[in-house]
Full PDB file with SEQRES, HELIX, SHEET, SSBOND, CRYST1, ORIGX, SCALE, CONECT and MASTER records, all heavy atoms in Angstrom:
SEQRES   1 A   30  SER GLY ASN VAL ASP MET ASP SER ILE PRO ALA ASN LYS          
SEQRES   2 A   30  GLN ASN ILE GLN MET LEU GLN SER ALA GLY PHE LEU ASN          
SEQRES   3 A   30  ILE GLN LEU TYR                                              
HELIX    1 AA1 LYS A   13  SER A   21  1                                   9    
CRYST1    1.000    1.000    1.000  90.00  90.00  90.00 P 1           1          
ORIGX1      1.000000  0.000000  0.000000        0.00000                         
ORIGX2      0.000000  1.000000  0.000000        0.00000                         
ORIGX3      0.000000  0.000000  1.000000        0.00000                         
SCALE1      1.000000  0.000000  0.000000        0.00000                         
SCALE2      0.000000  1.000000  0.000000        0.00000                         
SCALE3      0.000000  0.000000  1.000000        0.00000                         
ATOM      1  N   SER A   1       0.810  -1.217   0.000  1.00  0.00           N  
ATOM      2  CA  SER A   1       0.000   0.000   0.000  1.00  0.00           C  
ATOM      3  C   SER A   1       0.845   1.269   0.000  1.00  0.00           C  
ATOM      4  O   SER A   1       0.330   2.361  -0.249  1.00  0.00           O  
ATOM      5  CB  SER A   1      -0.921   0.013   1.225  1.00  0.00           C  
ATOM      6  OG  SER A   1      -0.164   0.160   2.417  1.00  0.00           O  
ATOM      7  N   GLY A   2       2.149   1.134   0.311  1.00  0.00           N  
ATOM      8  CA  GLY A   2       3.017   2.296   0.376  1.00  0.00           C  
ATOM      9  C   GLY A   2       3.054   2.958   1.732  1.00  0.00           C  
ATOM     10  O   GLY A   2       3.728   3.975   1.917  1.00  0.00           O  
ATOM     11  N   ASN A   3       2.360   2.398   2.719  1.00  0.00           N  
ATOM     12  CA  ASN A   3       2.376   2.972   4.066  1.00  0.00           C  
ATOM     13  C   ASN A   3       3.713   2.734   4.759  1.00  0.00           C  
ATOM     14  O   ASN A   3       4.060   3.435   5.712  1.00  0.00           O  
ATOM     15  CB  ASN A   3       1.238   2.385   4.902  1.00  0.00           C  
ATOM     16  CG  ASN A   3      -0.119   2.894   4.473  1.00  0.00           C  
ATOM     17  OD1 ASN A   3      -0.277   4.080   4.181  1.00  0.00           O  
ATOM     18  ND2 ASN A   3      -1.102   2.008   4.395  1.00  0.00           N  
ATOM     19  N   VAL A   4       4.440   1.714   4.308  1.00  0.00           N  
ATOM     20  CA  VAL A   4       5.779   1.414   4.820  1.00  0.00           C  
ATOM     21  C   VAL A   4       6.718   1.331   3.625  1.00  0.00           C  
ATOM     22  O   VAL A   4       6.363   0.754   2.590  1.00  0.00           O  
ATOM     23  CB  VAL A   4       5.771   0.084   5.608  1.00  0.00           C  
ATOM     24  CG1 VAL A   4       7.186  -0.390   5.889  1.00  0.00           C  
ATOM     25  CG2 VAL A   4       4.996   0.244   6.912  1.00  0.00           C  
ATOM     26  N   ASP A   5       7.908   1.910   3.745  1.00  0.00           N  
ATOM     27  CA  ASP A   5       8.866   1.917   2.642  1.00  0.00           C  
ATOM     28  C   ASP A   5       9.825   0.735   2.661  1.00  0.00           C  
ATOM     29  O   ASP A   5      10.403   0.393   1.634  1.00  0.00           O  
ATOM     30  CB  ASP A   5       9.699   3.204   2.684  1.00  0.00           C  
ATOM     31  CG  ASP A   5       8.859   4.445   2.457  1.00  0.00           C  
ATOM     32  OD1 ASP A   5       8.155   4.505   1.438  1.00  0.00           O  
ATOM     33  OD2 ASP A   5       8.910   5.358   3.312  1.00  0.00           O  
ATOM     34  N   MET A   6      10.002   0.145   3.819  1.00  0.00           N  
ATOM     35  CA  MET A   6      10.975  -0.934   3.940  1.00  0.00           C  
ATOM     36  C   MET A   6      10.614  -1.816   5.115  1.00  0.00           C  
ATOM     37  O   MET A   6      10.206  -1.329   6.166  1.00  0.00           O  
ATOM     38  CB  MET A   6      12.381  -0.354   4.138  1.00  0.00           C  
ATOM     39  CG  MET A   6      13.469  -1.406   4.271  1.00  0.00           C  
ATOM     40  SD  MET A   6      15.095  -0.645   4.418  1.00  0.00           S  
ATOM     41  CE  MET A   6      15.018  -0.061   6.099  1.00  0.00           C  
ATOM     42  N   ASP A   7      10.754  -3.125   4.945  1.00  0.00           N  
ATOM     43  CA  ASP A   7      10.493  -4.033   6.051  1.00  0.00           C  
ATOM     44  C   ASP A   7      11.148  -5.372   5.764  1.00  0.00           C  
ATOM     45  O   ASP A   7      11.388  -5.740   4.604  1.00  0.00           O  
ATOM     46  CB  ASP A   7       8.985  -4.227   6.253  1.00  0.00           C  
ATOM     47  CG  ASP A   7       8.616  -4.621   7.683  1.00  0.00           C  
ATOM     48  OD1 ASP A   7       9.534  -4.996   8.440  1.00  0.00           O  
ATOM     49  OD2 ASP A   7       7.432  -4.546   8.038  1.00  0.00           O  
ATOM     50  N   SER A   8      11.433  -6.103   6.814  1.00  0.00           N  
ATOM     51  CA  SER A   8      11.977  -7.456   6.704  1.00  0.00           C  
ATOM     52  C   SER A   8      10.818  -8.440   6.715  1.00  0.00           C  
ATOM     53  O   SER A   8       9.972  -8.397   7.608  1.00  0.00           O  
ATOM     54  CB  SER A   8      12.920  -7.732   7.881  1.00  0.00           C  
ATOM     55  OG  SER A   8      13.380  -9.061   7.843  1.00  0.00           O  
ATOM     56  N   ILE A   9      10.784  -9.318   5.720  1.00  0.00           N  
ATOM     57  CA  ILE A   9       9.686 -10.268   5.541  1.00  0.00           C  
ATOM     58  C   ILE A   9      10.268 -11.677   5.498  1.00  0.00           C  
ATOM     59  O   ILE A   9      11.336 -11.883   4.914  1.00  0.00           O  
ATOM     60  CB  ILE A   9       8.935  -9.980   4.222  1.00  0.00           C  
ATOM     61  CG1 ILE A   9       8.416  -8.542   4.192  1.00  0.00           C  
ATOM     62  CG2 ILE A   9       7.781 -10.955   4.029  1.00  0.00           C  
ATOM     63  CD1 ILE A   9       7.378  -8.204   5.235  1.00  0.00           C  
ATOM     64  N   PRO A  10       9.606 -12.670   6.091  1.00  0.00           N  
ATOM     65  CA  PRO A  10      10.123 -14.037   6.017  1.00  0.00           C  
ATOM     66  C   PRO A  10      10.338 -14.459   4.567  1.00  0.00           C  
ATOM     67  O   PRO A  10       9.463 -14.254   3.718  1.00  0.00           O  
ATOM     68  CB  PRO A  10       9.024 -14.874   6.671  1.00  0.00           C  
ATOM     69  CG  PRO A  10       8.361 -13.925   7.603  1.00  0.00           C  
ATOM     70  CD  PRO A  10       8.378 -12.606   6.895  1.00  0.00           C  
ATOM     71  N   ALA A  11      11.500 -15.018   4.300  1.00  0.00           N  
ATOM     72  CA  ALA A  11      11.838 -15.421   2.938  1.00  0.00           C  
ATOM     73  C   ALA A  11      11.194 -16.756   2.592  1.00  0.00           C  
ATOM     74  O   ALA A  11      11.608 -17.796   3.096  1.00  0.00           O  
ATOM     75  CB  ALA A  11      13.354 -15.510   2.782  1.00  0.00           C  
ATOM     76  N   ASN A  12      10.151 -16.716   1.789  1.00  0.00           N  
ATOM     77  CA  ASN A  12       9.595 -17.931   1.198  1.00  0.00           C  
ATOM     78  C   ASN A  12       8.964 -17.554  -0.138  1.00  0.00           C  
ATOM     79  O   ASN A  12       8.753 -16.364  -0.432  1.00  0.00           O  
ATOM     80  CB  ASN A  12       8.604 -18.644   2.126  1.00  0.00           C  
ATOM     81  CG  ASN A  12       7.396 -17.801   2.483  1.00  0.00           C  
ATOM     82  OD1 ASN A  12       6.769 -17.193   1.623  1.00  0.00           O  
ATOM     83  ND2 ASN A  12       7.067 -17.758   3.767  1.00  0.00           N  
ATOM     84  N   LYS A  13       8.689 -18.536  -0.969  1.00  0.00           N  
ATOM     85  CA  LYS A  13       8.227 -18.270  -2.333  1.00  0.00           C  
ATOM     86  C   LYS A  13       6.940 -17.459  -2.364  1.00  0.00           C  
ATOM     87  O   LYS A  13       6.783 -16.539  -3.169  1.00  0.00           O  
ATOM     88  CB  LYS A  13       8.037 -19.593  -3.076  1.00  0.00           C  
ATOM     89  CG  LYS A  13       9.336 -20.330  -3.332  1.00  0.00           C  
ATOM     90  CD  LYS A  13       9.103 -21.659  -4.019  1.00  0.00           C  
ATOM     91  CE  LYS A  13      10.421 -22.406  -4.235  1.00  0.00           C  
ATOM     92  NZ  LYS A  13      10.201 -23.738  -4.853  1.00  0.00           N  
ATOM     93  N   GLN A  14       6.000 -17.801  -1.498  1.00  0.00           N  
ATOM     94  CA  GLN A  14       4.725 -17.102  -1.491  1.00  0.00           C  
ATOM     95  C   GLN A  14       4.903 -15.621  -1.154  1.00  0.00           C  
ATOM     96  O   GLN A  14       4.356 -14.748  -1.827  1.00  0.00           O  
ATOM     97  CB  GLN A  14       3.771 -17.744  -0.490  1.00  0.00           C  
ATOM     98  CG  GLN A  14       2.407 -17.063  -0.416  1.00  0.00           C  
ATOM     99  CD  GLN A  14       1.485 -17.716   0.609  1.00  0.00           C  
ATOM    100  OE1 GLN A  14       1.846 -18.691   1.248  1.00  0.00           O  
ATOM    101  NE2 GLN A  14       0.298 -17.163   0.757  1.00  0.00           N  
ATOM    102  N   ASN A  15       5.683 -15.340  -0.109  1.00  0.00           N  
ATOM    103  CA  ASN A  15       5.894 -13.950   0.286  1.00  0.00           C  
ATOM    104  C   ASN A  15       6.617 -13.157  -0.797  1.00  0.00           C  
ATOM    105  O   ASN A  15       6.267 -12.003  -1.081  1.00  0.00           O  
ATOM    106  CB  ASN A  15       6.681 -13.881   1.583  1.00  0.00           C  
ATOM    107  CG  ASN A  15       5.854 -14.265   2.800  1.00  0.00           C  
ATOM    108  OD1 ASN A  15       4.636 -14.340   2.737  1.00  0.00           O  
ATOM    109  ND2 ASN A  15       6.526 -14.514   3.908  1.00  0.00           N  
ATOM    110  N   ILE A  16       7.623 -13.765  -1.399  1.00  0.00           N  
ATOM    111  CA  ILE A  16       8.376 -13.068  -2.446  1.00  0.00           C  
ATOM    112  C   ILE A  16       7.490 -12.781  -3.649  1.00  0.00           C  
ATOM    113  O   ILE A  16       7.545 -11.694  -4.247  1.00  0.00           O  
ATOM    114  CB  ILE A  16       9.622 -13.888  -2.838  1.00  0.00           C  
ATOM    115  CG1 ILE A  16      10.640 -13.849  -1.685  1.00  0.00           C  
ATOM    116  CG2 ILE A  16      10.253 -13.365  -4.119  1.00  0.00           C  
ATOM    117  CD1 ILE A  16      11.839 -14.735  -1.875  1.00  0.00           C  
ATOM    118  N   GLN A  17       6.633 -13.730  -4.011  1.00  0.00           N  
ATOM    119  CA  GLN A  17       5.708 -13.496  -5.124  1.00  0.00           C  
ATOM    120  C   GLN A  17       4.740 -12.357  -4.811  1.00  0.00           C  
ATOM    121  O   GLN A  17       4.451 -11.514  -5.673  1.00  0.00           O  
ATOM    122  CB  GLN A  17       4.925 -14.776  -5.426  1.00  0.00           C  
ATOM    123  CG  GLN A  17       5.763 -15.863  -6.078  1.00  0.00           C  
ATOM    124  CD  GLN A  17       5.022 -17.186  -6.222  1.00  0.00           C  
ATOM    125  OE1 GLN A  17       3.882 -17.338  -5.750  1.00  0.00           O  
ATOM    126  NE2 GLN A  17       5.654 -18.146  -6.860  1.00  0.00           N  
ATOM    127  N   MET A  18       4.260 -12.300  -3.569  1.00  0.00           N  
ATOM    128  CA  MET A  18       3.352 -11.217  -3.185  1.00  0.00           C  
ATOM    129  C   MET A  18       4.055  -9.864  -3.235  1.00  0.00           C  
ATOM    130  O   MET A  18       3.485  -8.866  -3.684  1.00  0.00           O  
ATOM    131  CB  MET A  18       2.798 -11.480  -1.775  1.00  0.00           C  
ATOM    132  CG  MET A  18       1.837 -12.648  -1.691  1.00  0.00           C  
ATOM    133  SD  MET A  18       1.311 -12.993   0.018  1.00  0.00           S  
ATOM    134  CE  MET A  18       0.338 -11.517   0.373  1.00  0.00           C  
ATOM    135  N   LEU A  19       5.297  -9.829  -2.785  1.00  0.00           N  
ATOM    136  CA  LEU A  19       6.058  -8.589  -2.817  1.00  0.00           C  
ATOM    137  C   LEU A  19       6.337  -8.151  -4.256  1.00  0.00           C  
ATOM    138  O   LEU A  19       6.212  -6.973  -4.599  1.00  0.00           O  
ATOM    139  CB  LEU A  19       7.377  -8.755  -2.056  1.00  0.00           C  
ATOM    140  CG  LEU A  19       7.261  -8.979  -0.543  1.00  0.00           C  
ATOM    141  CD1 LEU A  19       8.603  -9.393   0.044  1.00  0.00           C  
ATOM    142  CD2 LEU A  19       6.750  -7.721   0.158  1.00  0.00           C  
ATOM    143  N   GLN A  20       6.702  -9.103  -5.101  1.00  0.00           N  
ATOM    144  CA  GLN A  20       6.988  -8.778  -6.493  1.00  0.00           C  
ATOM    145  C   GLN A  20       5.752  -8.293  -7.238  1.00  0.00           C  
ATOM    146  O   GLN A  20       5.845  -7.469  -8.152  1.00  0.00           O  
ATOM    147  CB  GLN A  20       7.587  -9.990  -7.208  1.00  0.00           C  
ATOM    148  CG  GLN A  20       9.015 -10.309  -6.791  1.00  0.00           C  
ATOM    149  CD  GLN A  20       9.594 -11.481  -7.552  1.00  0.00           C  
ATOM    150  OE1 GLN A  20       9.008 -12.565  -7.583  1.00  0.00           O  
ATOM    151  NE2 GLN A  20      10.749 -11.277  -8.169  1.00  0.00           N  
ATOM    152  N   SER A  21       4.589  -8.783  -6.835  1.00  0.00           N  
ATOM    153  CA  SER A  21       3.355  -8.389  -7.518  1.00  0.00           C  
ATOM    154  C   SER A  21       3.055  -6.905  -7.376  1.00  0.00           C  
ATOM    155  O   SER A  21       2.318  -6.329  -8.184  1.00  0.00           O  
ATOM    156  CB  SER A  21       2.174  -9.211  -6.990  1.00  0.00           C  
ATOM    157  OG  SER A  21       1.856  -8.835  -5.654  1.00  0.00           O  
ATOM    158  N   ALA A  22       3.644  -6.270  -6.347  1.00  0.00           N  
ATOM    159  CA  ALA A  22       3.426  -4.834  -6.162  1.00  0.00           C  
ATOM    160  C   ALA A  22       4.099  -4.030  -7.266  1.00  0.00           C  
ATOM    161  O   ALA A  22       3.689  -2.906  -7.566  1.00  0.00           O  
ATOM    162  CB  ALA A  22       3.943  -4.393  -4.804  1.00  0.00           C  
ATOM    163  N   GLY A  23       5.140  -4.583  -7.864  1.00  0.00           N  
ATOM    164  CA  GLY A  23       5.807  -3.938  -8.982  1.00  0.00           C  
ATOM    165  C   GLY A  23       6.892  -2.953  -8.607  1.00  0.00           C  
ATOM    166  O   GLY A  23       7.915  -2.861  -9.283  1.00  0.00           O  
ATOM    167  N   PHE A  24       6.699  -2.179  -7.532  1.00  0.00           N  
ATOM    168  CA  PHE A  24       7.641  -1.104  -7.186  1.00  0.00           C  
ATOM    169  C   PHE A  24       8.588  -1.454  -6.046  1.00  0.00           C  
ATOM    170  O   PHE A  24       9.348  -0.599  -5.577  1.00  0.00           O  
ATOM    171  CB  PHE A  24       6.869   0.167  -6.828  1.00  0.00           C  
ATOM    172  CG  PHE A  24       6.057   0.059  -5.556  1.00  0.00           C  
ATOM    173  CD1 PHE A  24       6.590   0.474  -4.332  1.00  0.00           C  
ATOM    174  CD2 PHE A  24       4.789  -0.474  -5.573  1.00  0.00           C  
ATOM    175  CE1 PHE A  24       5.853   0.361  -3.165  1.00  0.00           C  
ATOM    176  CE2 PHE A  24       4.040  -0.583  -4.403  1.00  0.00           C  
ATOM    177  CZ  PHE A  24       4.573  -0.163  -3.192  1.00  0.00           C  
ATOM    178  N   LEU A  25       8.562  -2.702  -5.606  1.00  0.00           N  
ATOM    179  CA  LEU A  25       9.400  -3.101  -4.482  1.00  0.00           C  
ATOM    180  C   LEU A  25      10.639  -3.858  -4.959  1.00  0.00           C  
ATOM    181  O   LEU A  25      10.536  -4.839  -5.702  1.00  0.00           O  
ATOM    182  CB  LEU A  25       8.611  -3.983  -3.514  1.00  0.00           C  
ATOM    183  CG  LEU A  25       7.430  -3.323  -2.797  1.00  0.00           C  
ATOM    184  CD1 LEU A  25       6.622  -4.373  -2.036  1.00  0.00           C  
ATOM    185  CD2 LEU A  25       7.915  -2.225  -1.840  1.00  0.00           C  
ATOM    186  N   ASN A  26      11.816  -3.374  -4.546  1.00  0.00           N  
ATOM    187  CA  ASN A  26      13.047  -4.124  -4.750  1.00  0.00           C  
ATOM    188  C   ASN A  26      13.201  -5.082  -3.574  1.00  0.00           C  
ATOM    189  O   ASN A  26      12.869  -4.730  -2.432  1.00  0.00           O  
ATOM    190  CB  ASN A  26      14.252  -3.193  -4.800  1.00  0.00           C  
ATOM    191  CG  ASN A  26      14.235  -2.291  -6.017  1.00  0.00           C  
ATOM    192  OD1 ASN A  26      14.122  -2.770  -7.142  1.00  0.00           O  
ATOM    193  ND2 ASN A  26      14.330  -0.981  -5.800  1.00  0.00           N  
ATOM    194  N   ILE A  27      13.696  -6.282  -3.838  1.00  0.00           N  
ATOM    195  CA  ILE A  27      13.839  -7.279  -2.775  1.00  0.00           C  
ATOM    196  C   ILE A  27      15.306  -7.658  -2.642  1.00  0.00           C  
ATOM    197  O   ILE A  27      15.924  -8.138  -3.596  1.00  0.00           O  
ATOM    198  CB  ILE A  27      12.997  -8.533  -3.074  1.00  0.00           C  
ATOM    199  CG1 ILE A  27      11.517  -8.151  -3.234  1.00  0.00           C  
ATOM    200  CG2 ILE A  27      13.167  -9.567  -1.968  1.00  0.00           C  
ATOM    201  CD1 ILE A  27      10.665  -9.274  -3.764  1.00  0.00           C  
ATOM    202  N   GLN A  28      15.864  -7.414  -1.476  1.00  0.00           N  
ATOM    203  CA  GLN A  28      17.256  -7.771  -1.210  1.00  0.00           C  
ATOM    204  C   GLN A  28      17.279  -9.037  -0.359  1.00  0.00           C  
ATOM    205  O   GLN A  28      16.695  -9.083   0.719  1.00  0.00           O  
ATOM    206  CB  GLN A  28      17.980  -6.621  -0.506  1.00  0.00           C  
ATOM    207  CG  GLN A  28      18.044  -5.346  -1.345  1.00  0.00           C  
ATOM    208  CD  GLN A  28      19.000  -4.312  -0.799  1.00  0.00           C  
ATOM    209  OE1 GLN A  28      20.078  -4.647  -0.290  1.00  0.00           O  
ATOM    210  NE2 GLN A  28      18.638  -3.036  -0.921  1.00  0.00           N  
ATOM    211  N   LEU A  29      17.933 -10.062  -0.884  1.00  0.00           N  
ATOM    212  CA  LEU A  29      18.046 -11.352  -0.210  1.00  0.00           C  
ATOM    213  C   LEU A  29      19.511 -11.620   0.103  1.00  0.00           C  
ATOM    214  O   LEU A  29      20.369 -11.490  -0.768  1.00  0.00           O  
ATOM    215  CB  LEU A  29      17.518 -12.473  -1.112  1.00  0.00           C  
ATOM    216  CG  LEU A  29      16.007 -12.534  -1.355  1.00  0.00           C  
ATOM    217  CD1 LEU A  29      15.714 -13.337  -2.615  1.00  0.00           C  
ATOM    218  CD2 LEU A  29      15.309 -13.175  -0.162  1.00  0.00           C  
ATOM    219  N   TYR A  30      19.792 -12.009   1.345  1.00  0.00           N  
ATOM    220  CA  TYR A  30      21.180 -12.314   1.683  1.00  0.00           C  
ATOM    221  C   TYR A  30      21.238 -13.270   2.871  1.00  0.00           C  
ATOM    222  O   TYR A  30      20.342 -13.321   3.700  1.00  0.00           O  
ATOM    223  CB  TYR A  30      21.971 -11.044   1.989  1.00  0.00           C  
ATOM    224  CG  TYR A  30      21.364 -10.142   3.040  1.00  0.00           C  
ATOM    225  CD1 TYR A  30      21.699 -10.272   4.390  1.00  0.00           C  
ATOM    226  CD2 TYR A  30      20.455  -9.143   2.683  1.00  0.00           C  
ATOM    227  CE1 TYR A  30      21.145  -9.446   5.357  1.00  0.00           C  
ATOM    228  CE2 TYR A  30      19.899  -8.299   3.643  1.00  0.00           C  
ATOM    229  CZ  TYR A  30      20.251  -8.456   4.969  1.00  0.00           C  
ATOM    230  OH  TYR A  30      19.694  -7.633   5.926  1.00  0.00           O  
TER     231      TYR A  30                                                      
MASTER        0    0    0    1    0    0    0    6  230    1    0    3          
END                                                                             
């Protein structure tokens, strides 16, 4: 929604797909 600019999210396929669906979020994995 854009209410938060950055957050740590549990790394799993479902969560990453949901984040990517927003279009404007870069995802850093390490």
